[in-house]
PDB file of N, CA and C in Angstrom:
ATOM      1  N   MET A   1      -4.572  13.356   3.798  1.00  0.00           N
ATOM      2  CA  MET A   1      -3.991  14.524   4.659  1.00  0.00           C
ATOM      3  C   MET A   1      -4.989  14.710   5.762  1.00  0.00           C
ATOM      4  N   GLN A   2      -4.354  15.169   6.919  1.00  0.00           N
ATOM      5  CA  GLN A   2      -5.202  15.551   7.981  1.00  0.00           C
ATOM      6  C   GLN A   2      -4.966  16.976   8.215  1.00  0.00           C
ATOM      7  N   ALA A   3      -5.912  17.866   8.529  1.00  0.00           N
ATOM      8  CA  ALA A   3      -5.680  19.329   8.619  1.00  0.00           C
ATOM      9  C   ALA A   3      -6.589  19.781   9.759  1.00  0.00           C
ATOM     10  N   HIS A   4      -6.021  20.774  10.494  1.00  0.00           N
ATOM     11  CA  HIS A   4      -6.892  21.628  11.487  1.00  0.00           C
ATOM     12  C   HIS A   4      -7.799  22.492  10.681  1.00  0.00           C
ATOM     13  N   ILE A   5      -8.989  22.546  11.124  1.00  0.00           N
ATOM     14  CA  ILE A   5     -10.033  23.335  10.320  1.00  0.00           C
ATOM     15  C   ILE A   5      -9.565  24.828  10.401  1.00  0.00           C
ATOM     16  N   GLU A   6      -8.923  25.165  11.552  1.00  0.00           N
ATOM     17  CA  GLU A   6      -8.452  26.578  11.656  1.00  0.00           C
ATOM     18  C   GLU A   6      -7.309  26.601  12.746  1.00  0.00           C
ATOM     19  N   LYS A   7      -6.269  27.214  12.303  1.00  0.00           N
ATOM     20  CA  LYS A   7      -5.175  27.278  13.333  1.00  0.00           C
ATOM     21  C   LYS A   7      -4.480  28.588  13.072  1.00  0.00           C
ATOM     22  N   ASP A   8      -4.195  29.318  14.102  1.00  0.00           N
ATOM     23  CA  ASP A   8      -3.531  30.624  13.926  1.00  0.00           C
ATOM     24  C   ASP A   8      -3.849  31.381  12.849  1.00  0.00           C
ATOM     25  N   GLY A   9      -5.266  31.541  12.694  1.00  0.00           N
ATOM     26  CA  GLY A   9      -5.751  32.526  11.717  1.00  0.00           C
ATOM     27  C   GLY A   9      -5.804  31.930  10.274  1.00  0.00           C
ATOM     28  N   GLU A  10      -5.372  30.744  10.035  1.00  0.00           N
ATOM     29  CA  GLU A  10      -5.363  30.050   8.830  1.00  0.00           C
ATOM     30  C   GLU A  10      -6.326  28.931   8.802  1.00  0.00           C
ATOM     31  N   LYS A  11      -6.874  28.663   7.551  1.00  0.00           N
ATOM     32  CA  LYS A  11      -7.851  27.481   7.418  1.00  0.00           C
ATOM     33  C   LYS A  11      -7.201  26.340   6.774  1.00  0.00           C
ATOM     34  N   ASN A  12      -7.630  25.116   7.156  1.00  0.00           N
ATOM     35  CA  ASN A  12      -7.158  23.934   6.630  1.00  0.00           C
ATOM     36  C   ASN A  12      -5.703  23.750   6.625  1.00  0.00           C
ATOM     37  N   VAL A  13      -5.169  23.833   7.926  1.00  0.00           N
ATOM     38  CA  VAL A  13      -3.762  23.649   8.243  1.00  0.00           C
ATOM     39  C   VAL A  13      -3.349  22.195   8.333  1.00  0.00           C
ATOM     40  N   ILE A  14      -2.642  21.832   7.360  1.00  0.00           N
ATOM     41  CA  ILE A  14      -2.205  20.390   7.262  1.00  0.00           C
ATOM     42  C   ILE A  14      -1.330  20.099   8.328  1.00  0.00           C
ATOM     43  N   TYR A  15      -1.573  18.966   9.083  1.00  0.00           N
ATOM     44  CA  TYR A  15      -0.490  18.612  10.058  1.00  0.00           C
ATOM     45  C   TYR A  15      -0.026  17.112   9.861  1.00  0.00           C
ATOM     46  N   THR A  16      -0.706  16.312   9.056  1.00  0.00           N
ATOM     47  CA  THR A  16      -0.173  14.961   8.812  1.00  0.00           C
ATOM     48  C   THR A  16      -0.534  14.758   7.296  1.00  0.00           C
ATOM     49  N   VAL A  17       0.551  14.086   6.695  1.00  0.00           N
ATOM     50  CA  VAL A  17       0.433  13.784   5.221  1.00  0.00           C
ATOM     51  C   VAL A  17       0.787  12.158   5.217  1.00  0.00           C
ATOM     52  N   HIS A  18      -0.197  11.399   4.742  1.00  0.00           N
ATOM     53  CA  HIS A  18      -0.075  10.007   4.634  1.00  0.00           C
ATOM     54  C   HIS A  18       0.538   9.811   3.131  1.00  0.00           C
ATOM     55  N   TYR A  19       1.441   8.955   3.054  1.00  0.00           N
ATOM     56  CA  TYR A  19       2.233   8.679   1.680  1.00  0.00           C
ATOM     57  C   TYR A  19       2.367   7.349   1.429  1.00  0.00           C
ATOM     58  N   ARG A  20       2.558   7.007   0.170  1.00  0.00           N
ATOM     59  CA  ARG A  20       2.916   5.693  -0.323  1.00  0.00           C
ATOM     60  C   ARG A  20       3.928   5.835  -1.377  1.00  0.00           C
ATOM     61  N   TYR A  21       5.051   5.225  -1.263  1.00  0.00           N
ATOM     62  CA  TYR A  21       6.182   5.417  -2.106  1.00  0.00           C
ATOM     63  C   TYR A  21       6.459   3.947  -2.733  1.00  0.00           C
ATOM     64  N   GLU A  22       6.346   3.811  -3.941  1.00  0.00           N
ATOM     65  CA  GLU A  22       6.408   2.447  -4.594  1.00  0.00           C
ATOM     66  C   GLU A  22       7.446   2.428  -5.634  1.00  0.00           C
ATOM     67  N   GLY A  23       7.957   1.163  -5.874  1.00  0.00           N
ATOM     68  CA  GLY A  23       8.880   0.802  -7.017  1.00  0.00           C
ATOM     69  C   GLY A  23       8.534  -0.550  -7.594  1.00  0.00           C
ATOM     70  N   SER A  24       8.880  -0.694  -8.764  1.00  0.00           N
ATOM     71  CA  SER A  24       8.633  -1.891  -9.439  1.00  0.00           C
ATOM     72  C   SER A  24       9.749  -2.240 -10.456  1.00  0.00           C
ATOM     73  N   GLU A  25      10.006  -3.438 -10.834  1.00  0.00           N
ATOM     74  CA  GLU A  25      10.950  -3.847 -11.904  1.00  0.00           C
ATOM     75  C   GLU A  25      10.502  -5.233 -12.504  1.00  0.00           C
ATOM     76  N   GLU A  26      10.616  -5.202 -13.779  1.00  0.00           N
ATOM     77  CA  GLU A  26      10.342  -6.390 -14.501  1.00  0.00           C
ATOM     78  C   GLU A  26      11.547  -7.199 -14.713  1.00  0.00           C
ATOM     79  N   SER A  27      11.474  -8.440 -14.595  1.00  0.00           N
ATOM     80  CA  SER A  27      12.543  -9.414 -14.630  1.00  0.00           C
ATOM     81  C   SER A  27      11.905 -10.806 -15.239  1.00  0.00           C
ATOM     82  N   SER A  28      12.533 -11.204 -16.344  1.00  0.00           N
ATOM     83  CA  SER A  28      12.044 -12.490 -17.004  1.00  0.00           C
ATOM     84  C   SER A  28      10.488 -12.612 -17.041  1.00  0.00           C
ATOM     85  N   GLY A  29       9.802 -11.528 -17.464  1.00  0.00           N
ATOM     86  CA  GLY A  29       8.466 -11.437 -17.724  1.00  0.00           C
ATOM     87  C   GLY A  29       7.515 -11.417 -16.566  1.00  0.00           C
ATOM     88  N   THR A  30       8.091 -11.245 -15.361  1.00  0.00           N
ATOM     89  CA  THR A  30       7.375 -10.987 -14.159  1.00  0.00           C
ATOM     90  C   THR A  30       7.678  -9.573 -13.571  1.00  0.00           C
ATOM     91  N   VAL A  31       6.661  -8.880 -13.087  1.00  0.00           N
ATOM     92  CA  VAL A  31       6.913  -7.576 -12.355  1.00  0.00           C
ATOM     93  C   VAL A  31       6.972  -7.781 -11.154  1.00  0.00           C
ATOM     94  N   TYR A  32       7.910  -7.291 -10.415  1.00  0.00           N
ATOM     95  CA  TYR A  32       8.028  -7.343  -8.798  1.00  0.00           C
ATOM     96  C   TYR A  32       7.825  -5.922  -8.340  1.00  0.00           C
ATOM     97  N   TYR A  33       7.224  -5.886  -7.151  1.00  0.00           N
ATOM     98  CA  TYR A  33       6.821  -4.511  -6.547  1.00  0.00           C
ATOM     99  C   TYR A  33       7.262  -4.582  -5.096  1.00  0.00           C
ATOM    100  N   ASP A  34       7.369  -3.188  -4.689  1.00  0.00           N
ATOM    101  CA  ASP A  34       7.535  -3.077  -3.318  1.00  0.00           C
ATOM    102  C   ASP A  34       7.059  -1.671  -2.913  1.00  0.00           C
ATOM    103  N   THR A  35       6.554  -1.467  -1.739  1.00  0.00           N
ATOM    104  CA  THR A  35       5.755  -0.255  -1.347  1.00  0.00           C
ATOM    105  C   THR A  35       6.298   0.045   0.059  1.00  0.00           C
ATOM    106  N   ILE A  36       6.441   1.388   0.285  1.00  0.00           N
ATOM    107  CA  ILE A  36       6.562   1.874   1.622  1.00  0.00           C
ATOM    108  C   ILE A  36       5.468   2.872   1.974  1.00  0.00           C
ATOM    109  N   ILE A  37       4.801   2.576   3.074  1.00  0.00           N
ATOM    110  CA  ILE A  37       3.602   3.461   3.430  1.00  0.00           C
ATOM    111  C   ILE A  37       4.030   4.039   4.709  1.00  0.00           C
ATOM    112  N   GLY A  38       3.609   5.270   4.865  1.00  0.00           N
ATOM    113  CA  GLY A  38       3.889   6.039   6.126  1.00  0.00           C
ATOM    114  C   GLY A  38       3.148   7.317   6.247  1.00  0.00           C
ATOM    115  N   ASN A  39       3.580   8.103   7.214  1.00  0.00           N
ATOM    116  CA  ASN A  39       2.968   9.506   7.347  1.00  0.00           C
ATOM    117  C   ASN A  39       3.912  10.434   8.025  1.00  0.00           C
ATOM    118  N   GLN A  40       3.843  11.506   7.651  1.00  0.00           N
ATOM    119  CA  GLN A  40       4.792  12.571   8.105  1.00  0.00           C
ATOM    120  C   GLN A  40       4.027  13.674   8.795  1.00  0.00           C
ATOM    121  N   ASN A  41       4.357  14.135   9.959  1.00  0.00           N
ATOM    122  CA  ASN A  41       3.770  15.170  10.653  1.00  0.00           C
ATOM    123  C   ASN A  41       4.370  16.550  10.376  1.00  0.00           C
ATOM    124  N   TYR A  42       3.562  17.607  10.342  1.00  0.00           N
ATOM    125  CA  TYR A  42       3.910  18.997  10.244  1.00  0.00           C
ATOM    126  C   TYR A  42       3.461  19.900  11.177  1.00  0.00           C
ATOM    127  N   GLU A  43       4.032  20.979  11.544  1.00  0.00           N
ATOM    128  CA  GLU A  43       3.472  21.913  12.579  1.00  0.00           C
ATOM    129  C   GLU A  43       3.584  23.406  11.861  1.00  0.00           C
ATOM    130  N   TYR A  44       2.399  23.984  11.830  1.00  0.00           N
ATOM    131  CA  TYR A  44       2.346  25.329  11.422  1.00  0.00           C
ATOM    132  C   TYR A  44       2.540  26.280  12.643  1.00  0.00           C
ATOM    133  N   LYS A  45       3.381  27.228  12.465  1.00  0.00           N
ATOM    134  CA  LYS A  45       3.496  28.234  13.472  1.00  0.00           C
ATOM    135  C   LYS A  45       3.107  29.690  12.856  1.00  0.00           C
ATOM    136  N   ALA A  46       2.349  30.399  13.610  1.00  0.00           N
ATOM    137  CA  ALA A  46       1.907  31.585  13.138  1.00  0.00           C
ATOM    138  C   ALA A  46       3.153  32.407  12.654  1.00  0.00           C
ATOM    139  N   GLY A  47       3.065  33.143  11.465  1.00  0.00           N
ATOM    140  CA  GLY A  47       3.979  33.968  10.944  1.00  0.00           C
ATOM    141  C   GLY A  47       4.836  33.272   9.905  1.00  0.00           C
ATOM    142  N   GLU A  48       4.869  31.872   9.989  1.00  0.00           N
ATOM    143  CA  GLU A  48       5.563  31.045   8.867  1.00  0.00           C
ATOM    144  C   GLU A  48       4.860  31.201   7.471  1.00  0.00           C
ATOM    145  N   THR A  49       5.625  31.074   6.426  1.00  0.00           N
ATOM    146  CA  THR A  49       4.968  30.959   5.145  1.00  0.00           C
ATOM    147  C   THR A  49       3.839  30.011   5.092  1.00  0.00           C
ATOM    148  N   PHE A  50       2.755  30.327   4.705  1.00  0.00           N
ATOM    149  CA  PHE A  50       1.636  29.392   4.688  1.00  0.00           C
ATOM    150  C   PHE A  50       1.069  29.195   3.223  1.00  0.00           C
ATOM    151  N   VAL A  51       0.896  28.064   2.711  1.00  0.00           N
ATOM    152  CA  VAL A  51       0.473  27.699   1.484  1.00  0.00           C
ATOM    153  C   VAL A  51      -1.038  27.241   1.664  1.00  0.00           C
ATOM    154  N   PRO A  52      -1.976  27.902   1.313  1.00  0.00           N
ATOM    155  CA  PRO A  52      -3.421  27.469   1.442  1.00  0.00           C
ATOM    156  C   PRO A  52      -3.717  26.189   0.627  1.00  0.00           C
ATOM    157  N   TYR A  53      -4.526  25.307   1.347  1.00  0.00           N
ATOM    158  CA  TYR A  53      -4.871  24.091   0.671  1.00  0.00           C
ATOM    159  C   TYR A  53      -5.700  24.427  -0.661  1.00  0.00           C
ATOM    160  N   GLU A  54      -5.347  23.614  -1.743  1.00  0.00           N
ATOM    161  CA  GLU A  54      -6.198  23.639  -2.909  1.00  0.00           C
ATOM    162  C   GLU A  54      -6.165  22.258  -3.415  1.00  0.00           C
ATOM    163  N   ASP A  55      -7.406  21.867  -3.968  1.00  0.00           N
ATOM    164  CA  ASP A  55      -7.561  20.600  -4.553  1.00  0.00           C
ATOM    165  C   ASP A  55      -7.047  20.586  -5.932  1.00  0.00           C
ATOM    166  N   THR A  56      -5.820  20.792  -6.127  1.00  0.00           N
ATOM    167  CA  THR A  56      -5.125  20.909  -7.396  1.00  0.00           C
ATOM    168  C   THR A  56      -3.832  20.192  -7.570  1.00  0.00           C
ATOM    169  N   GLU A  57      -3.340  19.912  -8.763  1.00  0.00           N
ATOM    170  CA  GLU A  57      -2.096  19.238  -8.926  1.00  0.00           C
ATOM    171  C   GLU A  57      -0.945  20.144  -8.521  1.00  0.00           C
ATOM    172  N   ALA A  58      -1.119  21.482  -8.501  1.00  0.00           N
ATOM    173  CA  ALA A  58      -0.014  22.354  -8.143  1.00  0.00           C
ATOM    174  C   ALA A  58       0.097  22.180  -6.612  1.00  0.00           C
ATOM    175  N   PHE A  59      -0.895  22.067  -5.808  1.00  0.00           N
ATOM    176  CA  PHE A  59      -0.854  21.949  -4.419  1.00  0.00           C
ATOM    177  C   PHE A  59      -0.387  20.560  -4.085  1.00  0.00           C
ATOM    178  N   GLU A  60      -0.679  19.571  -4.800  1.00  0.00           N
ATOM    179  CA  GLU A  60      -0.151  18.178  -4.652  1.00  0.00           C
ATOM    180  C   GLU A  60       1.479  18.269  -4.723  1.00  0.00           C
ATOM    181  N   ASN A  61       1.907  18.912  -5.768  1.00  0.00           N
ATOM    182  CA  ASN A  61       3.386  19.169  -5.981  1.00  0.00           C
ATOM    183  C   ASN A  61       3.931  19.770  -4.709  1.00  0.00           C
ATOM    184  N   VAL A  62       3.260  20.799  -4.115  1.00  0.00           N
ATOM    185  CA  VAL A  62       3.840  21.496  -2.897  1.00  0.00           C
ATOM    186  C   VAL A  62       4.049  20.404  -1.770  1.00  0.00           C
ATOM    187  N   VAL A  63       2.940  19.519  -1.619  1.00  0.00           N
ATOM    188  CA  VAL A  63       3.071  18.538  -0.501  1.00  0.00           C
ATOM    189  C   VAL A  63       4.099  17.368  -0.899  1.00  0.00           C
ATOM    190  N   ILE A  64       4.252  17.178  -2.025  1.00  0.00           N
ATOM    191  CA  ILE A  64       5.275  16.221  -2.476  1.00  0.00           C
ATOM    192  C   ILE A  64       6.718  16.860  -2.128  1.00  0.00           C
ATOM    193  N   GLY A  65       6.848  18.150  -2.326  1.00  0.00           N
ATOM    194  CA  GLY A  65       8.019  18.892  -2.008  1.00  0.00           C
ATOM    195  C   GLY A  65       8.356  18.865  -0.502  1.00  0.00           C
ATOM    196  N   TRP A  66       7.139  18.889   0.275  1.00  0.00           N
ATOM    197  CA  TRP A  66       7.351  18.744   1.707  1.00  0.00           C
ATOM    198  C   TRP A  66       7.884  17.445   2.156  1.00  0.00           C
ATOM    199  N   LEU A  67       7.213  16.426   1.565  1.00  0.00           N
ATOM    200  CA  LEU A  67       7.718  15.029   1.893  1.00  0.00           C
ATOM    201  C   LEU A  67       9.061  14.848   1.401  1.00  0.00           C
ATOM    202  N   GLU A  68       9.488  15.270   0.190  1.00  0.00           N
ATOM    203  CA  GLU A  68      10.804  15.105  -0.250  1.00  0.00           C
ATOM    204  C   GLU A  68      11.872  15.830   0.515  1.00  0.00           C
ATOM    205  N   ASN A  69      11.507  16.922   1.139  1.00  0.00           N
ATOM    206  CA  ASN A  69      12.385  17.575   2.103  1.00  0.00           C
ATOM    207  C   ASN A  69      12.480  17.003   3.522  1.00  0.00           C
ATOM    208  N   SER A  70      11.420  16.177   3.763  1.00  0.00           N
ATOM    209  CA  SER A  70      11.350  15.712   5.203  1.00  0.00           C
ATOM    210  C   SER A  70      11.788  14.311   5.307  1.00  0.00           C
ATOM    211  N   LEU A  71      11.767  13.483   4.214  1.00  0.00           N
ATOM    212  CA  LEU A  71      12.054  12.017   4.161  1.00  0.00           C
ATOM    213  C   LEU A  71      13.408  11.858   3.560  1.00  0.00           C
ATOM    214  N   ASP A  72      13.967  10.743   3.872  1.00  0.00           N
ATOM    215  CA  ASP A  72      15.185  10.265   3.281  1.00  0.00           C
ATOM    216  C   ASP A  72      14.835   9.368   2.040  1.00  0.00           C
ATOM    217  N   VAL A  73      14.633  10.118   0.967  1.00  0.00           N
ATOM    218  CA  VAL A  73      14.048   9.553  -0.312  1.00  0.00           C
ATOM    219  C   VAL A  73      15.130   8.525  -0.836  1.00  0.00           C
ATOM    220  N   SER A  74      16.400   8.821  -0.807  1.00  0.00           N
ATOM    221  CA  SER A  74      17.475   7.884  -1.253  1.00  0.00           C
ATOM    222  C   SER A  74      17.413   6.608  -0.492  1.00  0.00           C
ATOM    223  N   ALA A  75      17.353   6.653   0.783  1.00  0.00           N
ATOM    224  CA  ALA A  75      17.253   5.421   1.615  1.00  0.00           C
ATOM    225  C   ALA A  75      15.951   4.656   1.361  1.00  0.00           C
ATOM    226  N   MET A  76      14.836   5.366   1.080  1.00  0.00           N
ATOM    227  CA  MET A  76      13.633   4.663   0.602  1.00  0.00           C
ATOM    228  C   MET A  76      13.722   4.035  -0.690  1.00  0.00           C
ATOM    229  N   GLN A  77      14.384   4.611  -1.672  1.00  0.00           N
ATOM    230  CA  GLN A  77      14.769   4.056  -2.903  1.00  0.00           C
ATOM    231  C   GLN A  77      15.591   2.853  -2.808  1.00  0.00           C
ATOM    232  N   ALA A  78      16.610   2.871  -1.921  1.00  0.00           N
ATOM    233  CA  ALA A  78      17.606   1.750  -1.790  1.00  0.00           C
ATOM    234  C   ALA A  78      16.777   0.664  -1.127  1.00  0.00           C
ATOM    235  N   SER A  79      15.965   0.868  -0.183  1.00  0.00           N
ATOM    236  CA  SER A  79      15.126  -0.213   0.500  1.00  0.00           C
ATOM    237  C   SER A  79      14.198  -0.853  -0.449  1.00  0.00           C
ATOM    238  N   ILE A  80      13.556  -0.165  -1.286  1.00  0.00           N
ATOM    239  CA  ILE A  80      12.681  -0.646  -2.237  1.00  0.00           C
ATOM    240  C   ILE A  80      13.487  -1.578  -3.240  1.00  0.00           C
ATOM    241  N   ALA A  81      14.654  -1.096  -3.744  1.00  0.00           N
ATOM    242  CA  ALA A  81      15.307  -1.773  -4.719  1.00  0.00           C
ATOM    243  C   ALA A  81      15.815  -3.137  -4.038  1.00  0.00           C
ATOM    244  N   ALA A  82      16.347  -3.082  -2.851  1.00  0.00           N
ATOM    245  CA  ALA A  82      16.876  -4.177  -2.085  1.00  0.00           C
ATOM    246  C   ALA A  82      15.750  -5.350  -2.033  1.00  0.00           C
ATOM    247  N   ASN A  83      14.494  -4.839  -1.585  1.00  0.00           N
ATOM    248  CA  ASN A  83      13.473  -5.655  -1.419  1.00  0.00           C
ATOM    249  C   ASN A  83      12.915  -6.419  -2.689  1.00  0.00           C
ATOM    250  N   ILE A  84      13.041  -5.621  -3.724  1.00  0.00           N
ATOM    251  CA  ILE A  84      12.698  -6.174  -5.065  1.00  0.00           C
ATOM    252  C   ILE A  84      13.645  -7.267  -5.573  1.00  0.00           C
ATOM    253  N   GLU A  85      14.988  -6.784  -5.321  1.00  0.00           N
ATOM    254  CA  GLU A  85      16.087  -7.742  -5.606  1.00  0.00           C
ATOM    255  C   GLU A  85      15.943  -9.051  -4.918  1.00  0.00           C
ATOM    256  N   SER A  86      15.495  -8.977  -3.551  1.00  0.00           N
ATOM    257  CA  SER A  86      15.329 -10.243  -2.946  1.00  0.00           C
ATOM    258  C   SER A  86      14.142 -11.022  -3.298  1.00  0.00           C
ATOM    259  N   GLN A  87      13.228 -10.315  -3.909  1.00  0.00           N
ATOM    260  CA  GLN A  87      12.105 -11.155  -4.619  1.00  0.00           C
ATOM    261  C   GLN A  87      12.430 -11.883  -5.775  1.00  0.00           C
ATOM    262  N   ILE A  88      13.343 -11.136  -6.550  1.00  0.00           N
ATOM    263  CA  ILE A  88      13.805 -11.792  -7.852  1.00  0.00           C
ATOM    264  C   ILE A  88      14.833 -12.916  -7.529  1.00  0.00           C
ATOM    265  N   THR A  89      15.663 -12.672  -6.622  1.00  0.00           N
ATOM    266  CA  THR A  89      16.794 -13.678  -6.315  1.00  0.00           C
ATOM    267  C   THR A  89      16.810 -13.881  -4.790  1.00  0.00           C
ATOM    268  N   PRO A  90      15.705 -14.674  -4.275  1.00  0.00           N
ATOM    269  CA  PRO A  90      15.614 -14.981  -2.857  1.00  0.00           C
ATOM    270  C   PRO A  90      16.794 -15.654  -2.180  1.00  0.00           C
ATOM    271  N   VAL A  91      17.019 -15.137  -0.960  1.00  0.00           N
ATOM    272  CA  VAL A  91      18.210 -15.701  -0.233  1.00  0.00           C
ATOM    273  C   VAL A  91      17.664 -16.379   0.986  1.00  0.00           C
ATOM    274  N   ASN A  92      16.362 -16.178   1.370  1.00  0.00           N
ATOM    275  CA  ASN A  92      15.850 -16.860   2.515  1.00  0.00           C
ATOM    276  C   ASN A  92      14.507 -17.534   2.100  1.00  0.00           C
ATOM    277  N   GLU A  93      14.044 -18.514   3.018  1.00  0.00           N
ATOM    278  CA  GLU A  93      12.808 -19.149   2.726  1.00  0.00           C
ATOM    279  C   GLU A  93      12.149 -19.374   4.121  1.00  0.00           C
ATOM    280  N   ASP A  94      10.813 -19.547   4.097  1.00  0.00           N
ATOM    281  CA  ASP A  94      10.114 -19.955   5.245  1.00  0.00           C
ATOM    282  C   ASP A  94      10.021 -21.501   5.442  1.00  0.00           C
ATOM    283  N   LEU A  95      10.426 -22.068   6.506  1.00  0.00           N
ATOM    284  CA  LEU A  95      10.302 -23.505   6.739  1.00  0.00           C
ATOM    285  C   LEU A  95       9.227 -23.752   7.852  1.00  0.00           C
ATOM    286  N   TYR A  96       8.454 -24.799   7.622  1.00  0.00           N
ATOM    287  CA  TYR A  96       7.465 -25.127   8.638  1.00  0.00           C
ATOM    288  C   TYR A  96       7.408 -26.633   9.169  1.00  0.00           C
ATOM    289  N   PHE A  97       7.177 -26.952  10.310  1.00  0.00           N
ATOM    290  CA  PHE A  97       6.741 -28.272  10.600  1.00  0.00           C
ATOM    291  C   PHE A  97       5.462 -28.685  10.068  1.00  0.00           C
ATOM    292  N   THR A  98       5.185 -29.889   9.712  1.00  0.00           N
ATOM    293  CA  THR A  98       3.920 -30.223   9.096  1.00  0.00           C
ATOM    294  C   THR A  98       2.751 -29.805   9.854  1.00  0.00           C
ATOM    295  N   TRP A  99       2.877 -29.884  11.204  1.00  0.00           N
ATOM    296  CA  TRP A  99       1.662 -29.386  12.068  1.00  0.00           C
ATOM    297  C   TRP A  99       1.499 -27.999  12.112  1.00  0.00           C
ATOM    298  N   GLN A 100       2.431 -27.171  11.624  1.00  0.00           N
ATOM    299  CA  GLN A 100       2.268 -25.787  11.566  1.00  0.00           C
ATOM    300  C   GLN A 100       1.782 -25.201  10.278  1.00  0.00           C
ATOM    301  N   ASN A 101       1.879 -26.038   9.185  1.00  0.00           N
ATOM    302  CA  ASN A 101       1.405 -25.622   7.852  1.00  0.00           C
ATOM    303  C   ASN A 101       0.764 -26.898   7.236  1.00  0.00           C
ATOM    304  N   PRO A 102      -0.388 -27.342   7.807  1.00  0.00           N
ATOM    305  CA  PRO A 102      -0.964 -28.536   7.233  1.00  0.00           C
ATOM    306  C   PRO A 102      -1.599 -28.363   5.865  1.00  0.00           C
ATOM    307  N   VAL A 103      -1.623 -29.346   5.172  1.00  0.00           N
ATOM    308  CA  VAL A 103      -2.238 -29.277   3.769  1.00  0.00           C
ATOM    309  C   VAL A 103      -3.675 -29.323   4.097  1.00  0.00           C
ATOM    310  N   PRO A 104      -4.428 -28.265   3.383  1.00  0.00           N
ATOM    311  CA  PRO A 104      -5.944 -28.188   3.662  1.00  0.00           C
ATOM    312  C   PRO A 104      -6.555 -29.507   3.212  1.00  0.00           C
ATOM    313  N   PRO A 105      -7.614 -29.937   3.963  1.00  0.00           N
ATOM    314  CA  PRO A 105      -8.248 -31.085   3.686  1.00  0.00           C
ATOM    315  C   PRO A 105      -9.087 -31.055   2.330  1.00  0.00           C
ATOM    316  N   VAL A 106      -9.136 -32.142   1.726  1.00  0.00           N
ATOM    317  CA  VAL A 106     -10.025 -32.082   0.396  1.00  0.00           C
ATOM    318  C   VAL A 106     -11.575 -32.016   0.772  1.00  0.00           C
ATOM    319  N   PRO A 107     -12.243 -31.131   0.373  1.00  0.00           N
ATOM    320  CA  PRO A 107     -13.648 -31.043   0.855  1.00  0.00           C
ATOM    321  C   PRO A 107     -14.443 -32.174   0.154  1.00  0.00           C
ATOM    322  N   PRO A 108     -15.382 -32.663   0.849  1.00  0.00           N
ATOM    323  CA  PRO A 108     -16.163 -33.993   0.559  1.00  0.00           C
ATOM    324  C   PRO A 108     -16.957 -33.470  -0.864  1.00  0.00           C
ATOM    325  N   ALA A 109     -17.122 -34.436  -1.705  1.00  0.00           N
ATOM    326  CA  ALA A 109     -17.892 -34.134  -2.907  1.00  0.00           C
ATOM    327  C   ALA A 109     -19.317 -33.767  -2.615  1.00  0.00           C
ATOM    328  N   PRO A 110     -20.047 -32.995  -3.271  1.00  0.00           N
ATOM    329  CA  PRO A 110     -21.359 -32.615  -2.931  1.00  0.00           C
ATOM    330  C   PRO A 110     -22.205 -33.768  -3.299  1.00  0.00           C
ATOM    331  N   PRO A 111     -23.341 -34.035  -2.541  1.00  0.00           N
ATOM    332  CA  PRO A 111     -24.240 -35.217  -2.817  1.00  0.00           C
ATOM    333  C   PRO A 111     -24.817 -35.063  -4.244  1.00  0.00           C
ATOM    334  N   VAL A 112     -24.966 -36.164  -4.784  1.00  0.00           N
ATOM    335  CA  VAL A 112     -25.436 -36.229  -6.200  1.00  0.00           C
ATOM    336  C   VAL A 112     -26.982 -36.426  -6.040  1.00  0.00           C
ATOM    337  N   GLU A 113     -27.775 -35.516  -6.626  1.00  0.00           N
ATOM    338  CA  GLU A 113     -29.239 -35.527  -6.620  1.00  0.00           C
ATOM    339  C   GLU A 113     -29.667 -36.448  -7.633  1.00  0.00           C
ATOM    340  N   GLU A 114     -30.483 -37.458  -7.250  1.00  0.00           N
ATOM    341  CA  GLU A 114     -31.080 -38.324  -8.208  1.00  0.00           C
ATOM    342  C   GLU A 114     -32.141 -37.638  -9.026  1.00  0.00           C
ATOM    343  N   GLU A 115     -32.075 -37.841 -10.402  1.00  0.00           N
ATOM    344  CA  GLU A 115     -33.182 -37.298 -11.083  1.00  0.00           C
ATOM    345  C   GLU A 115     -34.397 -38.091 -10.992  1.00  0.00           C
ATOM    346  N   GLU A 116     -35.596 -37.466 -11.011  1.00  0.00           N
ATOM    347  CA  GLU A 116     -36.866 -38.149 -11.046  1.00  0.00           C
ATOM    348  C   GLU A 116     -37.184 -38.769 -12.293  1.00  0.00           C
ATOM    349  N   GLU A 117     -37.587 -39.870 -12.159  1.00  0.00           N
ATOM    350  CA  GLU A 117     -38.152 -40.606 -13.447  1.00  0.00           C
ATOM    351  C   GLU A 117     -39.374 -40.021 -14.079  1.00  0.00           C
ATOM    352  N   VAL A 118     -39.283 -39.662 -15.259  1.00  0.00           N
ATOM    353  CA  VAL A 118     -40.435 -39.129 -15.947  1.00  0.00           C
ATOM    354  C   VAL A 118     -41.215 -40.241 -16.735  1.00  0.00           C
ATOM    355  N   ASN A 119     -42.373 -40.362 -16.474  1.00  0.00           N
ATOM    356  CA  ASN A 119     -43.262 -41.493 -17.030  1.00  0.00           C
ATOM    357  C   ASN A 119     -43.930 -40.909 -18.155  1.00  0.00           C
ATOM    358  N   ASP A 120     -43.546 -41.399 -19.320  1.00  0.00           N
ATOM    359  CA  ASP A 120     -44.269 -40.794 -20.588  1.00  0.00           C
ATOM    360  C   ASP A 120     -45.401 -41.717 -20.836  1.00  0.00           C
ATOM    361  N   GLU A 121     -45.825 -42.555 -20.069  1.00  0.00           N
ATOM    362  CA  GLU A 121     -46.916 -43.450 -20.458  1.00  0.00           C
ATOM    363  C   GLU A 121     -48.246 -42.908 -19.990  1.00  0.00           C
ATOM    364  N   GLU A 122     -48.661 -41.852 -20.313  1.00  0.00           N
ATOM    365  CA  GLU A 122     -50.015 -41.341 -19.765  1.00  0.00           C
ATOM    366  C   GLU A 122     -50.915 -41.278 -20.940  1.00  0.00           C
TER     367      GLU A 122
END
């Protein structure tokens, strides 16, 4: 989160919340994931209800409530579900010309160091 140190007489006034919304599904022993990352801006105006920042789970729940009221959570859920489904059952693929996706060259074998002969005849 980003906050103004002080604004309109209040301290730690949050103006941007960065979020990550994730989903996963297991299919045939493989777990598929998708994530939506973004940020949401907020503006505090003097006189509005102000919830002071606290490093607590209760305040985290307040911020989650702000996000749920600001974002289209159902659309995010649908997007994640569709992306996971397209991973499980792909309908598209990437094709390349050989010069666009060359096979990496095989690295040369490292030189073999010869062992020194040990002369036990002393």
